[in-house]
Amino acid sequence: MEGFLTPRELSVESGWPEKRIRDLIAAKELRHIRVRSRFFIPKDALDEFIARNMVEPDLLDRGRG
């Protein structure tokens, strides 16, 4: 499938452990499609996941310590 990667391929490309990718799929936190027993992930799905979960620093709390 063009434009899609298997969890193993995404792991190799991203450097993330395959188990972590499969855990994100199981938790429905990573966009994917299931074809029978195989999972395919759009190439940009990991970037989307990171963008959705990015925590921005709270600049107002910088003076506390």
N, C-alpha and C. Protein backbone atom coordinates (compact mmCIF):
# COMPACT_ATOMS: atom_id res chain seq x y z
N MET A 1 0.85 -1.18 0.00
CA MET A 1 0.00 0.00 0.00
C MET A 1 0.89 1.23 0.00
N GLU A 2 0.76 2.02 -1.02
CA GLU A 2 1.58 3.22 -1.15
C GLU A 2 1.16 4.28 -0.13
N GLY A 3 2.15 4.88 0.50
CA GLY A 3 1.85 5.92 1.49
C GLY A 3 1.61 5.38 2.89
N PHE A 4 1.72 4.08 3.06
CA PHE A 4 1.50 3.44 4.36
C PHE A 4 2.71 2.61 4.74
N LEU A 5 2.91 2.45 6.04
CA LEU A 5 4.00 1.64 6.56
C LEU A 5 3.45 0.62 7.54
N THR A 6 4.11 -0.51 7.64
CA THR A 6 3.77 -1.47 8.69
C THR A 6 4.38 -0.96 10.00
N PRO A 7 3.94 -1.47 11.13
CA PRO A 7 4.58 -1.06 12.39
C PRO A 7 6.09 -1.27 12.39
N ARG A 8 6.56 -2.36 11.81
CA ARG A 8 8.00 -2.62 11.76
C ARG A 8 8.71 -1.59 10.88
N GLU A 9 8.14 -1.28 9.73
CA GLU A 9 8.74 -0.28 8.85
C GLU A 9 8.78 1.09 9.51
N LEU A 10 7.70 1.46 10.20
CA LEU A 10 7.66 2.75 10.90
C LEU A 10 8.70 2.77 12.02
N SER A 11 8.87 1.65 12.68
CA SER A 11 9.87 1.55 13.74
C SER A 11 11.26 1.80 13.19
N VAL A 12 11.58 1.16 12.08
CA VAL A 12 12.90 1.33 11.47
C VAL A 12 13.10 2.78 11.01
N GLU A 13 12.07 3.34 10.39
CA GLU A 13 12.17 4.71 9.85
C GLU A 13 12.26 5.77 10.95
N SER A 14 11.51 5.56 12.04
CA SER A 14 11.43 6.58 13.09
C SER A 14 12.43 6.39 14.22
N GLY A 15 12.88 5.16 14.42
CA GLY A 15 13.75 4.86 15.55
C GLY A 15 12.99 4.54 16.83
N TRP A 16 11.65 4.57 16.75
CA TRP A 16 10.83 4.21 17.91
C TRP A 16 10.70 2.70 17.97
N PRO A 17 10.63 2.13 19.17
CA PRO A 17 10.45 0.67 19.28
C PRO A 17 9.12 0.23 18.64
N GLU A 18 9.16 -0.91 17.98
CA GLU A 18 7.94 -1.44 17.35
C GLU A 18 6.84 -1.66 18.40
N LYS A 19 7.21 -2.11 19.59
CA LYS A 19 6.21 -2.35 20.65
C LYS A 19 5.48 -1.06 21.00
N ARG A 20 6.21 0.05 21.09
CA ARG A 20 5.57 1.32 21.41
C ARG A 20 4.57 1.70 20.31
N ILE A 21 4.93 1.50 19.08
CA ILE A 21 4.03 1.80 17.97
C ILE A 21 2.79 0.91 18.04
N ARG A 22 3.00 -0.38 18.31
CA ARG A 22 1.85 -1.30 18.43
C ARG A 22 0.97 -0.93 19.63
N ASP A 23 1.59 -0.48 20.71
CA ASP A 23 0.81 -0.05 21.88
C ASP A 23 -0.03 1.19 21.54
N LEU A 24 0.52 2.11 20.77
CA LEU A 24 -0.24 3.30 20.36
C LEU A 24 -1.41 2.91 19.44
N ILE A 25 -1.19 1.92 18.59
CA ILE A 25 -2.27 1.42 17.74
C ILE A 25 -3.36 0.79 18.60
N ALA A 26 -2.97 -0.04 19.55
CA ALA A 26 -3.94 -0.72 20.42
C ALA A 26 -4.76 0.28 21.23
N ALA A 27 -4.13 1.37 21.63
CA ALA A 27 -4.82 2.41 22.41
C ALA A 27 -5.59 3.38 21.52
N LYS A 28 -5.51 3.15 20.20
CA LYS A 28 -6.17 4.02 19.21
C LYS A 28 -5.68 5.47 19.31
N GLU A 29 -4.40 5.62 19.60
CA GLU A 29 -3.79 6.94 19.68
C GLU A 29 -3.02 7.29 18.41
N LEU A 30 -2.80 6.29 17.56
CA LEU A 30 -2.05 6.48 16.32
C LEU A 30 -2.96 6.11 15.16
N ARG A 31 -3.09 7.03 14.21
CA ARG A 31 -3.96 6.79 13.05
C ARG A 31 -3.45 5.58 12.28
N HIS A 32 -4.35 4.67 11.93
CA HIS A 32 -3.98 3.44 11.23
C HIS A 32 -5.19 2.83 10.53
N ILE A 33 -4.91 1.83 9.73
CA ILE A 33 -5.96 1.04 9.11
C ILE A 33 -5.61 -0.43 9.34
N ARG A 34 -6.64 -1.23 9.57
CA ARG A 34 -6.43 -2.66 9.76
C ARG A 34 -7.00 -3.38 8.55
N VAL A 35 -6.18 -4.21 7.94
CA VAL A 35 -6.61 -5.04 6.82
C VAL A 35 -6.40 -6.48 7.26
N ARG A 36 -7.53 -7.11 7.58
CA ARG A 36 -7.52 -8.44 8.21
C ARG A 36 -6.72 -8.38 9.50
N SER A 37 -5.61 -9.07 9.58
CA SER A 37 -4.86 -9.06 10.83
C SER A 37 -3.63 -8.15 10.78
N ARG A 38 -3.48 -7.38 9.70
CA ARG A 38 -2.31 -6.52 9.55
C ARG A 38 -2.68 -5.05 9.71
N PHE A 39 -1.74 -4.30 10.26
CA PHE A 39 -1.95 -2.87 10.47
C PHE A 39 -1.06 -2.09 9.53
N PHE A 40 -1.61 -0.99 9.02
CA PHE A 40 -0.87 -0.08 8.15
C PHE A 40 -1.07 1.34 8.68
N ILE A 41 0.02 2.09 8.71
CA ILE A 41 0.01 3.42 9.31
C ILE A 41 0.40 4.43 8.23
N PRO A 42 -0.40 5.50 8.07
CA PRO A 42 0.00 6.54 7.12
C PRO A 42 1.37 7.11 7.51
N LYS A 43 2.16 7.46 6.53
CA LYS A 43 3.53 7.93 6.79
C LYS A 43 3.57 9.15 7.72
N ASP A 44 2.53 9.98 7.70
CA ASP A 44 2.54 11.18 8.53
C ASP A 44 1.86 11.00 9.89
N ALA A 45 1.40 9.80 10.20
CA ALA A 45 0.65 9.57 11.44
C ALA A 45 1.48 9.82 12.69
N LEU A 46 2.74 9.45 12.68
CA LEU A 46 3.58 9.65 13.86
C LEU A 46 3.83 11.14 14.10
N ASP A 47 4.03 11.89 13.02
CA ASP A 47 4.19 13.35 13.16
C ASP A 47 2.92 13.97 13.73
N GLU A 48 1.76 13.49 13.30
CA GLU A 48 0.48 13.99 13.82
C GLU A 48 0.35 13.68 15.31
N PHE A 49 0.72 12.46 15.69
CA PHE A 49 0.66 12.06 17.09
C PHE A 49 1.53 12.98 17.95
N ILE A 50 2.74 13.23 17.49
CA ILE A 50 3.67 14.09 18.23
C ILE A 50 3.10 15.50 18.35
N ALA A 51 2.58 16.03 17.27
CA ALA A 51 2.02 17.39 17.29
C ALA A 51 0.83 17.49 18.26
N ARG A 52 -0.02 16.47 18.29
CA ARG A 52 -1.19 16.47 19.19
C ARG A 52 -0.78 16.39 20.65
N ASN A 53 0.33 15.76 20.92
CA ASN A 53 0.72 15.51 22.31
C ASN A 53 1.87 16.39 22.79
N MET A 54 2.28 17.33 21.97
CA MET A 54 3.38 18.22 22.34
C MET A 54 2.94 19.13 23.49
N VAL A 55 3.77 19.21 24.49
CA VAL A 55 3.50 20.07 25.63
C VAL A 55 4.36 21.32 25.47
N GLU A 56 3.72 22.45 25.48
CA GLU A 56 4.43 23.72 25.36
C GLU A 56 4.79 24.21 26.77
N PRO A 57 5.95 24.80 26.92
CA PRO A 57 6.34 25.28 28.25
C PRO A 57 5.44 26.42 28.70
N ASP A 58 5.19 26.44 29.99
CA ASP A 58 4.39 27.51 30.58
C ASP A 58 5.36 28.61 31.01
N LEU A 59 5.47 29.63 30.20
CA LEU A 59 6.45 30.68 30.44
C LEU A 59 6.17 31.48 31.71
N LEU A 60 4.93 31.44 32.20
CA LEU A 60 4.58 32.17 33.41
C LEU A 60 5.16 31.53 34.65
N ASP A 61 5.46 30.22 34.60
CA ASP A 61 5.99 29.50 35.76
C ASP A 61 7.51 29.48 35.81
N ARG A 62 8.20 30.17 34.93
CA ARG A 62 9.66 30.11 34.86
C ARG A 62 10.33 30.64 36.13
N GLY A 63 9.72 31.59 36.80
CA GLY A 63 10.35 32.19 37.96
C GLY A 63 10.21 31.36 39.22
N ARG A 64 9.38 30.36 39.18
CA ARG A 64 9.19 29.52 40.39
C ARG A 64 10.27 28.48 40.48
N GLY A 65 10.61 28.09 41.67
CA GLY A 65 11.62 27.08 41.73
C GLY A 65 11.84 26.57 43.06
